[in-house]
Amino acid sequence: MDLFYISIISYFFGSVPFGYLLTKIFLKKDIRDIGSGNIGATNVLRTGNKIVGYSTLILDISKTIIPVLYVKFNHYDLVYLSSLCVFLGHLFSIWLKFKGGKGVASYIGILFSLNLVFGIIFIISWIIIFLITKYSSLSSLIGSLSVPIYLLVINQLEQISFFMIMLILILYTHRENIKRLKNRQETKTKIY
């Protein structure tokens, strides 16, 4: 029974579309009609409103931290299930006809909740690639790859399958970005 409730509650936490809600409430716009049409923080930043953009980032990270930490401390054996369900909620939100964001902010929340080292590795990788390229999408892809590589290096193979699933999902949500990167048509991101 715990498995069912944890899956459903985690999914619903993840499914809250903060980018959509904040742009609708504060900017009177539908974020799906702006830039890439994505509900995530990077696209919300394209509205020009940094407060709404960074609020989206913080809330998308927080919505994963809350259920994952709760499960981690109360039902540790289900923490990876909770993490996956909250992530799927963000990608396939019931409130937006099973469409959602690309999952990077949610993934950051999951990483920090599971292990601070995972989160730090992702952030360092993301920053280095972003400083070199100015592509948020490429930074996110490399950051997502950095955690499985770290686990391979330290020989922690029992956790690697979960992070490979997450990497595959992030590759899937970034498929259009990958095409644009290959064709040198990807938009550089201003984060400040």
N, C-alpha and C. Protein backbone atom coordinates (compact mmCIF):
# COMPACT_ATOMS: atom_id res chain seq x y z
N MET A 1 0.82 -1.20 0.00
CA MET A 1 0.00 0.00 0.00
C MET A 1 0.86 1.26 0.00
N ASP A 2 1.97 1.24 0.76
CA ASP A 2 2.89 2.38 0.77
C ASP A 2 3.38 2.69 -0.63
N LEU A 3 3.68 1.63 -1.38
CA LEU A 3 4.19 1.80 -2.73
C LEU A 3 3.20 2.58 -3.59
N PHE A 4 1.93 2.26 -3.51
CA PHE A 4 0.90 2.94 -4.30
C PHE A 4 0.79 4.41 -3.90
N TYR A 5 0.66 4.67 -2.59
CA TYR A 5 0.51 6.05 -2.13
C TYR A 5 1.74 6.91 -2.43
N ILE A 6 2.89 6.35 -2.21
CA ILE A 6 4.13 7.10 -2.47
C ILE A 6 4.25 7.42 -3.95
N SER A 7 3.91 6.47 -4.81
CA SER A 7 3.97 6.71 -6.26
C SER A 7 3.03 7.83 -6.67
N ILE A 8 1.79 7.76 -6.21
CA ILE A 8 0.77 8.75 -6.60
C ILE A 8 1.09 10.12 -6.04
N ILE A 9 1.42 10.19 -4.76
CA ILE A 9 1.69 11.50 -4.12
C ILE A 9 2.95 12.12 -4.74
N SER A 10 3.97 11.34 -4.99
CA SER A 10 5.19 11.85 -5.62
C SER A 10 4.87 12.39 -7.01
N TYR A 11 4.09 11.63 -7.78
CA TYR A 11 3.71 12.08 -9.12
C TYR A 11 2.99 13.43 -9.06
N PHE A 12 2.02 13.54 -8.15
CA PHE A 12 1.24 14.78 -8.07
C PHE A 12 2.09 15.96 -7.62
N PHE A 13 3.03 15.75 -6.72
CA PHE A 13 3.96 16.82 -6.35
C PHE A 13 4.72 17.28 -7.60
N GLY A 14 5.25 16.33 -8.34
CA GLY A 14 6.03 16.66 -9.53
C GLY A 14 5.22 17.30 -10.64
N SER A 15 3.93 17.01 -10.66
CA SER A 15 3.10 17.48 -11.78
C SER A 15 2.67 18.95 -11.68
N VAL A 16 2.94 19.60 -10.56
CA VAL A 16 2.54 21.01 -10.42
C VAL A 16 3.37 21.85 -11.40
N PRO A 17 2.72 22.50 -12.39
CA PRO A 17 3.45 23.23 -13.44
C PRO A 17 3.73 24.68 -13.04
N PHE A 18 4.74 24.87 -12.20
CA PHE A 18 5.00 26.21 -11.67
C PHE A 18 5.30 27.25 -12.75
N GLY A 19 6.05 26.88 -13.78
CA GLY A 19 6.34 27.83 -14.86
C GLY A 19 5.07 28.32 -15.52
N TYR A 20 4.16 27.41 -15.77
CA TYR A 20 2.87 27.76 -16.36
C TYR A 20 2.07 28.66 -15.42
N LEU A 21 1.98 28.24 -14.15
CA LEU A 21 1.17 28.98 -13.18
C LEU A 21 1.72 30.39 -12.93
N LEU A 22 3.02 30.52 -12.74
CA LEU A 22 3.60 31.83 -12.42
C LEU A 22 3.49 32.80 -13.58
N THR A 23 3.71 32.32 -14.80
CA THR A 23 3.59 33.24 -15.94
C THR A 23 2.13 33.62 -16.17
N LYS A 24 1.21 32.72 -15.90
CA LYS A 24 -0.21 33.00 -16.05
C LYS A 24 -0.65 34.04 -15.01
N ILE A 25 -0.23 33.84 -13.75
CA ILE A 25 -0.66 34.71 -12.65
C ILE A 25 0.02 36.08 -12.73
N PHE A 26 1.34 36.11 -12.88
CA PHE A 26 2.07 37.37 -12.76
C PHE A 26 2.31 38.10 -14.09
N LEU A 27 2.35 37.36 -15.18
CA LEU A 27 2.62 38.01 -16.47
C LEU A 27 1.42 37.99 -17.40
N LYS A 28 0.36 37.28 -16.98
CA LYS A 28 -0.86 37.16 -17.80
C LYS A 28 -0.54 36.59 -19.18
N LYS A 29 0.40 35.65 -19.23
CA LYS A 29 0.80 35.01 -20.48
C LYS A 29 0.78 33.50 -20.30
N ASP A 30 0.68 32.79 -21.42
CA ASP A 30 0.80 31.34 -21.42
C ASP A 30 2.21 31.01 -21.87
N ILE A 31 3.01 30.47 -20.98
CA ILE A 31 4.42 30.19 -21.26
C ILE A 31 4.57 29.24 -22.45
N ARG A 32 3.54 28.46 -22.73
CA ARG A 32 3.61 27.52 -23.86
C ARG A 32 3.59 28.23 -25.21
N ASP A 33 3.26 29.54 -25.20
CA ASP A 33 3.27 30.35 -26.43
C ASP A 33 4.52 31.21 -26.56
N ILE A 34 5.48 31.02 -25.65
CA ILE A 34 6.69 31.86 -25.63
C ILE A 34 7.92 30.98 -25.87
N GLY A 35 8.87 31.49 -26.63
CA GLY A 35 10.15 30.79 -26.84
C GLY A 35 9.96 29.37 -27.32
N SER A 36 10.50 28.42 -26.56
CA SER A 36 10.42 27.00 -26.94
C SER A 36 9.05 26.39 -26.61
N GLY A 37 8.23 27.12 -25.86
CA GLY A 37 6.94 26.59 -25.45
C GLY A 37 7.02 25.70 -24.23
N ASN A 38 8.21 25.55 -23.68
CA ASN A 38 8.43 24.70 -22.52
C ASN A 38 8.03 25.44 -21.25
N ILE A 39 7.60 24.70 -20.22
CA ILE A 39 7.16 25.34 -18.97
C ILE A 39 8.28 25.51 -17.96
N GLY A 40 9.51 25.15 -18.32
CA GLY A 40 10.63 25.20 -17.38
C GLY A 40 11.23 26.58 -17.20
N ALA A 41 12.12 26.67 -16.24
CA ALA A 41 12.72 27.95 -15.84
C ALA A 41 13.50 28.62 -16.96
N THR A 42 14.21 27.85 -17.78
CA THR A 42 14.98 28.47 -18.87
C THR A 42 14.06 29.21 -19.82
N ASN A 43 12.93 28.60 -20.17
CA ASN A 43 12.00 29.28 -21.07
C ASN A 43 11.29 30.44 -20.37
N VAL A 44 10.99 30.29 -19.09
CA VAL A 44 10.36 31.39 -18.35
C VAL A 44 11.29 32.59 -18.31
N LEU A 45 12.60 32.35 -18.23
CA LEU A 45 13.56 33.46 -18.28
C LEU A 45 13.46 34.24 -19.59
N ARG A 46 13.02 33.57 -20.65
CA ARG A 46 12.89 34.24 -21.95
C ARG A 46 11.78 35.28 -21.95
N THR A 47 10.91 35.25 -20.95
CA THR A 47 9.87 36.29 -20.87
C THR A 47 10.48 37.63 -20.50
N GLY A 48 11.72 37.59 -20.00
CA GLY A 48 12.39 38.82 -19.57
C GLY A 48 12.19 39.11 -18.10
N ASN A 49 11.34 38.35 -17.44
CA ASN A 49 11.08 38.57 -16.02
C ASN A 49 11.92 37.57 -15.21
N LYS A 50 13.03 38.06 -14.69
CA LYS A 50 13.98 37.19 -13.98
C LYS A 50 13.38 36.67 -12.67
N ILE A 51 12.57 37.49 -11.99
CA ILE A 51 11.97 37.05 -10.73
C ILE A 51 11.07 35.84 -10.96
N VAL A 52 10.23 35.90 -11.98
CA VAL A 52 9.35 34.77 -12.30
C VAL A 52 10.19 33.58 -12.76
N GLY A 53 11.24 33.83 -13.54
CA GLY A 53 12.11 32.76 -14.03
C GLY A 53 12.81 32.03 -12.89
N TYR A 54 13.43 32.79 -11.99
CA TYR A 54 14.15 32.15 -10.88
C TYR A 54 13.19 31.56 -9.84
N SER A 55 12.01 32.15 -9.71
CA SER A 55 10.99 31.56 -8.82
C SER A 55 10.56 30.20 -9.35
N THR A 56 10.42 30.10 -10.67
CA THR A 56 10.08 28.81 -11.29
C THR A 56 11.17 27.79 -10.99
N LEU A 57 12.42 28.18 -11.15
CA LEU A 57 13.54 27.29 -10.87
C LEU A 57 13.49 26.78 -9.43
N ILE A 58 13.34 27.70 -8.49
CA ILE A 58 13.34 27.33 -7.06
C ILE A 58 12.15 26.42 -6.73
N LEU A 59 10.98 26.75 -7.25
CA LEU A 59 9.80 25.94 -6.97
C LEU A 59 9.87 24.57 -7.63
N ASP A 60 10.42 24.50 -8.85
CA ASP A 60 10.57 23.20 -9.52
C ASP A 60 11.56 22.31 -8.79
N ILE A 61 12.60 22.90 -8.22
CA ILE A 61 13.54 22.12 -7.41
C ILE A 61 12.86 21.68 -6.11
N SER A 62 12.15 22.61 -5.47
CA SER A 62 11.52 22.33 -4.17
C SER A 62 10.45 21.26 -4.26
N LYS A 63 9.69 21.25 -5.35
CA LYS A 63 8.59 20.28 -5.44
C LYS A 63 9.10 18.84 -5.50
N THR A 64 10.36 18.66 -5.83
CA THR A 64 10.91 17.31 -5.81
C THR A 64 11.58 17.01 -4.46
N ILE A 65 12.17 18.02 -3.87
CA ILE A 65 12.86 17.81 -2.59
C ILE A 65 11.89 17.34 -1.51
N ILE A 66 10.72 17.95 -1.45
CA ILE A 66 9.76 17.64 -0.37
C ILE A 66 9.38 16.16 -0.35
N PRO A 67 8.83 15.60 -1.43
CA PRO A 67 8.45 14.17 -1.34
C PRO A 67 9.65 13.23 -1.26
N VAL A 68 10.72 13.54 -1.97
CA VAL A 68 11.87 12.61 -1.98
C VAL A 68 12.52 12.55 -0.60
N LEU A 69 12.70 13.70 0.05
CA LEU A 69 13.28 13.66 1.41
C LEU A 69 12.34 12.97 2.39
N TYR A 70 11.05 13.21 2.26
CA TYR A 70 10.10 12.53 3.16
C TYR A 70 10.24 11.01 3.01
N VAL A 71 10.25 10.54 1.77
CA VAL A 71 10.35 9.10 1.53
C VAL A 71 11.72 8.59 1.97
N LYS A 72 12.76 9.36 1.71
CA LYS A 72 14.11 8.95 2.10
C LYS A 72 14.20 8.67 3.61
N PHE A 73 13.55 9.50 4.41
CA PHE A 73 13.66 9.34 5.86
C PHE A 73 12.60 8.42 6.47
N ASN A 74 11.54 8.12 5.71
CA ASN A 74 10.47 7.30 6.27
C ASN A 74 10.26 5.96 5.57
N HIS A 75 10.65 5.86 4.31
CA HIS A 75 10.49 4.62 3.54
C HIS A 75 11.67 4.49 2.59
N TYR A 76 12.87 4.40 3.11
CA TYR A 76 14.07 4.50 2.29
C TYR A 76 14.08 3.54 1.10
N ASP A 77 13.50 2.36 1.28
CA ASP A 77 13.51 1.37 0.20
C ASP A 77 12.72 1.83 -1.03
N LEU A 78 11.90 2.88 -0.87
CA LEU A 78 11.09 3.39 -1.99
C LEU A 78 11.57 4.74 -2.50
N VAL A 79 12.75 5.18 -2.08
CA VAL A 79 13.20 6.53 -2.44
C VAL A 79 13.44 6.68 -3.95
N TYR A 80 13.92 5.65 -4.61
CA TYR A 80 14.15 5.75 -6.06
C TYR A 80 12.82 5.73 -6.82
N LEU A 81 11.86 4.98 -6.32
CA LEU A 81 10.53 5.00 -6.92
C LEU A 81 9.91 6.40 -6.80
N SER A 82 9.99 6.98 -5.61
CA SER A 82 9.47 8.33 -5.39
C SER A 82 10.16 9.33 -6.32
N SER A 83 11.47 9.21 -6.45
CA SER A 83 12.24 10.11 -7.31
C SER A 83 11.79 10.01 -8.76
N LEU A 84 11.62 8.78 -9.23
CA LEU A 84 11.18 8.59 -10.61
C LEU A 84 9.77 9.13 -10.82
N CYS A 85 8.87 8.88 -9.87
CA CYS A 85 7.49 9.33 -10.02
C CYS A 85 7.37 10.85 -9.99
N VAL A 86 8.12 11.50 -9.12
CA VAL A 86 8.07 12.96 -9.07
C VAL A 86 8.63 13.54 -10.37
N PHE A 87 9.65 12.90 -10.91
CA PHE A 87 10.25 13.34 -12.17
C PHE A 87 9.25 13.16 -13.33
N LEU A 88 8.61 12.00 -13.38
CA LEU A 88 7.61 11.75 -14.42
C LEU A 88 6.44 12.71 -14.30
N GLY A 89 6.09 13.09 -13.08
CA GLY A 89 5.04 14.08 -12.88
C GLY A 89 5.39 15.40 -13.54
N HIS A 90 6.64 15.81 -13.41
CA HIS A 90 7.07 17.06 -14.04
C HIS A 90 7.07 16.94 -15.56
N LEU A 91 7.54 15.83 -16.09
CA LEU A 91 7.61 15.65 -17.54
C LEU A 91 6.25 15.49 -18.18
N PHE A 92 5.35 14.80 -17.46
CA PHE A 92 4.04 14.47 -18.01
C PHE A 92 2.95 14.89 -17.02
N SER A 93 2.76 16.20 -16.91
CA SER A 93 1.84 16.75 -15.92
C SER A 93 0.38 16.48 -16.29
N ILE A 94 -0.33 15.92 -15.35
CA ILE A 94 -1.76 15.67 -15.54
C ILE A 94 -2.52 16.97 -15.78
N TRP A 95 -2.02 18.07 -15.24
CA TRP A 95 -2.69 19.37 -15.34
C TRP A 95 -2.52 20.02 -16.71
N LEU A 96 -1.56 19.53 -17.49
CA LEU A 96 -1.29 20.09 -18.83
C LEU A 96 -1.42 19.01 -19.90
N LYS A 97 -2.40 18.13 -19.73
CA LYS A 97 -2.67 17.05 -20.68
C LYS A 97 -1.43 16.19 -20.93
N PHE A 98 -0.74 15.89 -19.84
CA PHE A 98 0.44 15.03 -19.83
C PHE A 98 1.61 15.58 -20.64
N LYS A 99 1.69 16.90 -20.67
CA LYS A 99 2.87 17.58 -21.20
C LYS A 99 3.51 18.31 -20.03
N GLY A 100 4.79 18.62 -20.15
CA GLY A 100 5.44 19.28 -19.02
C GLY A 100 6.78 19.86 -19.41
N GLY A 101 7.66 19.92 -18.43
CA GLY A 101 8.98 20.51 -18.64
C GLY A 101 9.99 19.47 -19.07
N LYS A 102 11.23 19.91 -19.13
CA LYS A 102 12.32 19.03 -19.56
C LYS A 102 12.96 18.30 -18.39
N GLY A 103 12.64 18.71 -17.18
CA GLY A 103 13.02 17.94 -16.00
C GLY A 103 14.33 18.29 -15.32
N VAL A 104 15.05 19.28 -15.80
CA VAL A 104 16.37 19.54 -15.25
C VAL A 104 16.29 20.06 -13.82
N ALA A 105 15.45 21.05 -13.55
CA ALA A 105 15.33 21.58 -12.19
C ALA A 105 14.83 20.49 -11.24
N SER A 106 13.86 19.70 -11.70
CA SER A 106 13.37 18.61 -10.87
C SER A 106 14.48 17.59 -10.59
N TYR A 107 15.28 17.33 -11.59
CA TYR A 107 16.39 16.39 -11.43
C TYR A 107 17.41 16.91 -10.42
N ILE A 108 17.66 18.20 -10.44
CA ILE A 108 18.58 18.80 -9.46
C ILE A 108 18.06 18.57 -8.04
N GLY A 109 16.76 18.79 -7.85
CA GLY A 109 16.16 18.54 -6.53
C GLY A 109 16.30 17.10 -6.11
N ILE A 110 16.10 16.19 -7.05
CA ILE A 110 16.25 14.76 -6.76
C ILE A 110 17.69 14.44 -6.37
N LEU A 111 18.63 14.95 -7.16
CA LEU A 111 20.05 14.67 -6.87
C LEU A 111 20.46 15.13 -5.48
N PHE A 112 20.11 16.37 -5.13
CA PHE A 112 20.48 16.89 -3.81
C PHE A 112 19.77 16.13 -2.70
N SER A 113 18.55 15.66 -2.96
CA SER A 113 17.82 14.90 -1.95
C SER A 113 18.44 13.52 -1.73
N LEU A 114 18.87 12.89 -2.80
CA LEU A 114 19.45 11.55 -2.68
C LEU A 114 20.84 11.59 -2.06
N ASN A 115 21.66 12.54 -2.54
CA ASN A 115 23.05 12.61 -2.07
C ASN A 115 23.61 13.97 -2.48
N LEU A 116 24.05 14.76 -1.52
CA LEU A 116 24.57 16.10 -1.82
C LEU A 116 25.69 16.07 -2.86
N VAL A 117 26.50 15.01 -2.83
CA VAL A 117 27.62 14.90 -3.78
C VAL A 117 27.09 14.84 -5.21
N PHE A 118 25.99 14.11 -5.44
CA PHE A 118 25.41 14.02 -6.79
C PHE A 118 25.00 15.41 -7.28
N GLY A 119 24.34 16.15 -6.41
CA GLY A 119 23.91 17.50 -6.77
C GLY A 119 25.08 18.42 -7.08
N ILE A 120 26.11 18.33 -6.27
CA ILE A 120 27.29 19.19 -6.47
C ILE A 120 27.99 18.83 -7.79
N ILE A 121 28.11 17.54 -8.09
CA ILE A 121 28.73 17.11 -9.34
C ILE A 121 27.95 17.66 -10.53
N PHE A 122 26.63 17.56 -10.47
CA PHE A 122 25.80 18.08 -11.56
C PHE A 122 26.01 19.59 -11.72
N ILE A 123 25.92 20.32 -10.62
CA ILE A 123 26.04 21.79 -10.68
C ILE A 123 27.40 22.22 -11.21
N ILE A 124 28.47 21.60 -10.74
CA ILE A 124 29.82 21.95 -11.22
C ILE A 124 29.93 21.68 -12.71
N SER A 125 29.46 20.51 -13.15
CA SER A 125 29.50 20.17 -14.58
C SER A 125 28.69 21.18 -15.39
N TRP A 126 27.49 21.50 -14.89
CA TRP A 126 26.61 22.44 -15.60
C TRP A 126 27.30 23.80 -15.73
N ILE A 127 27.85 24.30 -14.65
CA ILE A 127 28.49 25.63 -14.67
C ILE A 127 29.67 25.66 -15.64
N ILE A 128 30.52 24.63 -15.59
CA ILE A 128 31.70 24.61 -16.47
C ILE A 128 31.26 24.63 -17.94
N ILE A 129 30.33 23.76 -18.30
CA ILE A 129 29.89 23.71 -19.70
C ILE A 129 29.18 25.00 -20.09
N PHE A 130 28.39 25.56 -19.18
CA PHE A 130 27.68 26.80 -19.51
C PHE A 130 28.65 27.96 -19.71
N LEU A 131 29.65 28.05 -18.85
CA LEU A 131 30.64 29.13 -19.00
C LEU A 131 31.39 29.03 -20.32
N ILE A 132 31.61 27.81 -20.78
CA ILE A 132 32.32 27.61 -22.05
C ILE A 132 31.41 27.87 -23.25
N THR A 133 30.15 27.38 -23.19
CA THR A 133 29.29 27.38 -24.39
C THR A 133 28.13 28.36 -24.36
N LYS A 134 27.62 28.69 -23.17
CA LYS A 134 26.41 29.51 -22.98
C LYS A 134 25.13 28.78 -23.42
N TYR A 135 25.21 27.46 -23.60
CA TYR A 135 24.03 26.66 -23.95
C TYR A 135 23.52 25.95 -22.70
N SER A 136 22.35 26.35 -22.23
CA SER A 136 21.76 25.71 -21.05
C SER A 136 21.46 24.24 -21.33
N SER A 137 20.97 23.95 -22.54
CA SER A 137 20.60 22.57 -22.88
C SER A 137 21.82 21.65 -22.85
N LEU A 138 22.91 22.07 -23.47
CA LEU A 138 24.13 21.26 -23.48
C LEU A 138 24.67 21.08 -22.06
N SER A 139 24.62 22.14 -21.27
CA SER A 139 25.07 22.07 -19.89
C SER A 139 24.25 21.06 -19.11
N SER A 140 22.94 21.04 -19.34
CA SER A 140 22.05 20.11 -18.66
C SER A 140 22.33 18.67 -19.08
N LEU A 141 22.58 18.46 -20.36
CA LEU A 141 22.87 17.11 -20.85
C LEU A 141 24.17 16.58 -20.28
N ILE A 142 25.21 17.40 -20.28
CA ILE A 142 26.50 16.99 -19.73
C ILE A 142 26.39 16.79 -18.22
N GLY A 143 25.68 17.69 -17.54
CA GLY A 143 25.47 17.54 -16.10
C GLY A 143 24.77 16.24 -15.77
N SER A 144 23.78 15.87 -16.59
CA SER A 144 23.03 14.62 -16.36
C SER A 144 23.90 13.40 -16.61
N LEU A 145 24.83 13.51 -17.54
CA LEU A 145 25.76 12.42 -17.82
C LEU A 145 26.84 12.30 -16.74
N SER A 146 27.13 13.41 -16.07
CA SER A 146 28.23 13.42 -15.09
C SER A 146 27.98 12.50 -13.89
N VAL A 147 26.73 12.35 -13.47
CA VAL A 147 26.45 11.52 -12.30
C VAL A 147 26.68 10.03 -12.60
N PRO A 148 26.15 9.47 -13.70
CA PRO A 148 26.49 8.07 -13.99
C PRO A 148 28.00 7.85 -14.18
N ILE A 149 28.68 8.82 -14.79
CA ILE A 149 30.13 8.69 -14.96
C ILE A 149 30.81 8.65 -13.59
N TYR A 150 30.39 9.53 -12.69
CA TYR A 150 30.94 9.54 -11.33
C TYR A 150 30.73 8.18 -10.65
N LEU A 151 29.53 7.61 -10.79
CA LEU A 151 29.23 6.32 -10.17
C LEU A 151 30.09 5.20 -10.77
N LEU A 152 30.35 5.28 -12.09
CA LEU A 152 31.25 4.31 -12.72
C LEU A 152 32.66 4.43 -12.17
N VAL A 153 33.12 5.67 -12.03
CA VAL A 153 34.49 5.91 -11.56
C VAL A 153 34.69 5.38 -10.14
N ILE A 154 33.69 5.61 -9.27
CA ILE A 154 33.85 5.15 -7.88
C ILE A 154 33.32 3.73 -7.67
N ASN A 155 32.90 3.08 -8.78
CA ASN A 155 32.46 1.69 -8.75
C ASN A 155 31.23 1.48 -7.86
N GLN A 156 30.25 2.37 -7.96
CA GLN A 156 28.97 2.24 -7.25
C GLN A 156 27.90 1.81 -8.26
N LEU A 157 28.03 0.65 -8.79
CA LEU A 157 27.20 0.21 -9.92
C LEU A 157 25.77 -0.13 -9.52
N GLU A 158 25.50 -0.35 -8.22
CA GLU A 158 24.14 -0.71 -7.81
C GLU A 158 23.15 0.44 -8.01
N GLN A 159 23.64 1.68 -8.07
CA GLN A 159 22.76 2.83 -8.25
C GLN A 159 22.69 3.30 -9.70
N ILE A 160 23.56 2.79 -10.54
CA ILE A 160 23.73 3.38 -11.87
C ILE A 160 22.50 3.21 -12.76
N SER A 161 21.75 2.13 -12.61
CA SER A 161 20.59 1.92 -13.49
C SER A 161 19.56 3.04 -13.34
N PHE A 162 19.32 3.49 -12.10
CA PHE A 162 18.38 4.59 -11.88
C PHE A 162 18.84 5.84 -12.62
N PHE A 163 20.11 6.17 -12.49
CA PHE A 163 20.63 7.40 -13.11
C PHE A 163 20.71 7.29 -14.63
N MET A 164 20.87 6.08 -15.14
CA MET A 164 20.82 5.89 -16.60
C MET A 164 19.39 6.10 -17.11
N ILE A 165 18.40 5.64 -16.36
CA ILE A 165 17.00 5.89 -16.73
C ILE A 165 16.74 7.39 -16.76
N MET A 166 17.21 8.09 -15.75
CA MET A 166 17.02 9.54 -15.69
C MET A 166 17.72 10.22 -16.87
N LEU A 167 18.92 9.78 -17.18
CA LEU A 167 19.66 10.34 -18.32
C LEU A 167 18.89 10.12 -19.62
N ILE A 168 18.36 8.93 -19.81
CA ILE A 168 17.59 8.63 -21.03
C ILE A 168 16.36 9.54 -21.12
N LEU A 169 15.68 9.74 -20.01
CA LEU A 169 14.51 10.63 -20.01
C LEU A 169 14.90 12.07 -20.33
N ILE A 170 16.01 12.52 -19.79
CA ILE A 170 16.48 13.89 -20.07
C ILE A 170 16.92 14.01 -21.53
N LEU A 171 17.56 13.00 -22.07
CA LEU A 171 17.89 13.00 -23.50
C LEU A 171 16.62 13.08 -24.34
N TYR A 172 15.60 12.34 -23.93
CA TYR A 172 14.32 12.35 -24.64
C TYR A 172 13.69 13.75 -24.62
N THR A 173 13.66 14.37 -23.45
CA THR A 173 13.02 15.69 -23.36
C THR A 173 13.82 16.77 -24.07
N HIS A 174 15.09 16.51 -24.30
CA HIS A 174 15.96 17.48 -24.98
C HIS A 174 16.22 17.12 -26.44
N ARG A 175 15.40 16.23 -27.00
CA ARG A 175 15.67 15.77 -28.37
C ARG A 175 15.68 16.91 -29.38
N GLU A 176 14.77 17.89 -29.23
CA GLU A 176 14.76 19.04 -30.15
C GLU A 176 16.00 19.90 -29.95
N ASN A 177 16.42 20.07 -28.68
CA ASN A 177 17.64 20.83 -28.39
C ASN A 177 18.86 20.15 -29.03
N ILE A 178 18.89 18.83 -28.95
CA ILE A 178 20.02 18.08 -29.51
C ILE A 178 20.09 18.31 -31.02
N LYS A 179 18.92 18.29 -31.67
CA LYS A 179 18.90 18.56 -33.12
C LYS A 179 19.42 19.97 -33.41
N ARG A 180 18.95 20.94 -32.62
CA ARG A 180 19.40 22.33 -32.85
C ARG A 180 20.89 22.48 -32.55
N LEU A 181 21.38 21.79 -31.53
CA LEU A 181 22.82 21.84 -31.24
C LEU A 181 23.62 21.26 -32.40
N LYS A 182 23.16 20.13 -32.95
CA LYS A 182 23.86 19.52 -34.08
C LYS A 182 23.86 20.44 -35.30
N ASN A 183 22.76 21.18 -35.49
CA ASN A 183 22.64 22.08 -36.65
C ASN A 183 23.14 23.49 -36.37
N ARG A 184 23.71 23.68 -35.17
CA ARG A 184 24.22 24.99 -34.74
C ARG A 184 23.13 26.06 -34.77
N GLN A 185 21.92 25.68 -34.34
CA GLN A 185 20.79 26.60 -34.32
C GLN A 185 20.26 26.82 -32.91
N GLU A 186 20.88 26.22 -31.92
CA GLU A 186 20.41 26.35 -30.53
C GLU A 186 20.63 27.78 -30.04
N THR A 187 19.68 28.27 -29.26
CA THR A 187 19.76 29.63 -28.70
C THR A 187 20.61 29.62 -27.43
N LYS A 188 21.52 30.55 -27.34
CA LYS A 188 22.30 30.71 -26.12
C LYS A 188 21.42 31.34 -25.05
N THR A 189 21.71 31.04 -23.80
CA THR A 189 20.86 31.48 -22.69
C THR A 189 21.57 32.56 -21.86
N LYS A 190 20.80 33.60 -21.52
CA LYS A 190 21.31 34.61 -20.59
C LYS A 190 20.67 34.33 -19.24
N ILE A 191 21.48 34.06 -18.24
CA ILE A 191 20.93 33.72 -16.92
C ILE A 191 21.09 34.85 -15.92
N TYR A 192 21.64 35.97 -16.34
CA TYR A 192 21.85 37.09 -15.41
C TYR A 192 21.34 38.38 -16.01
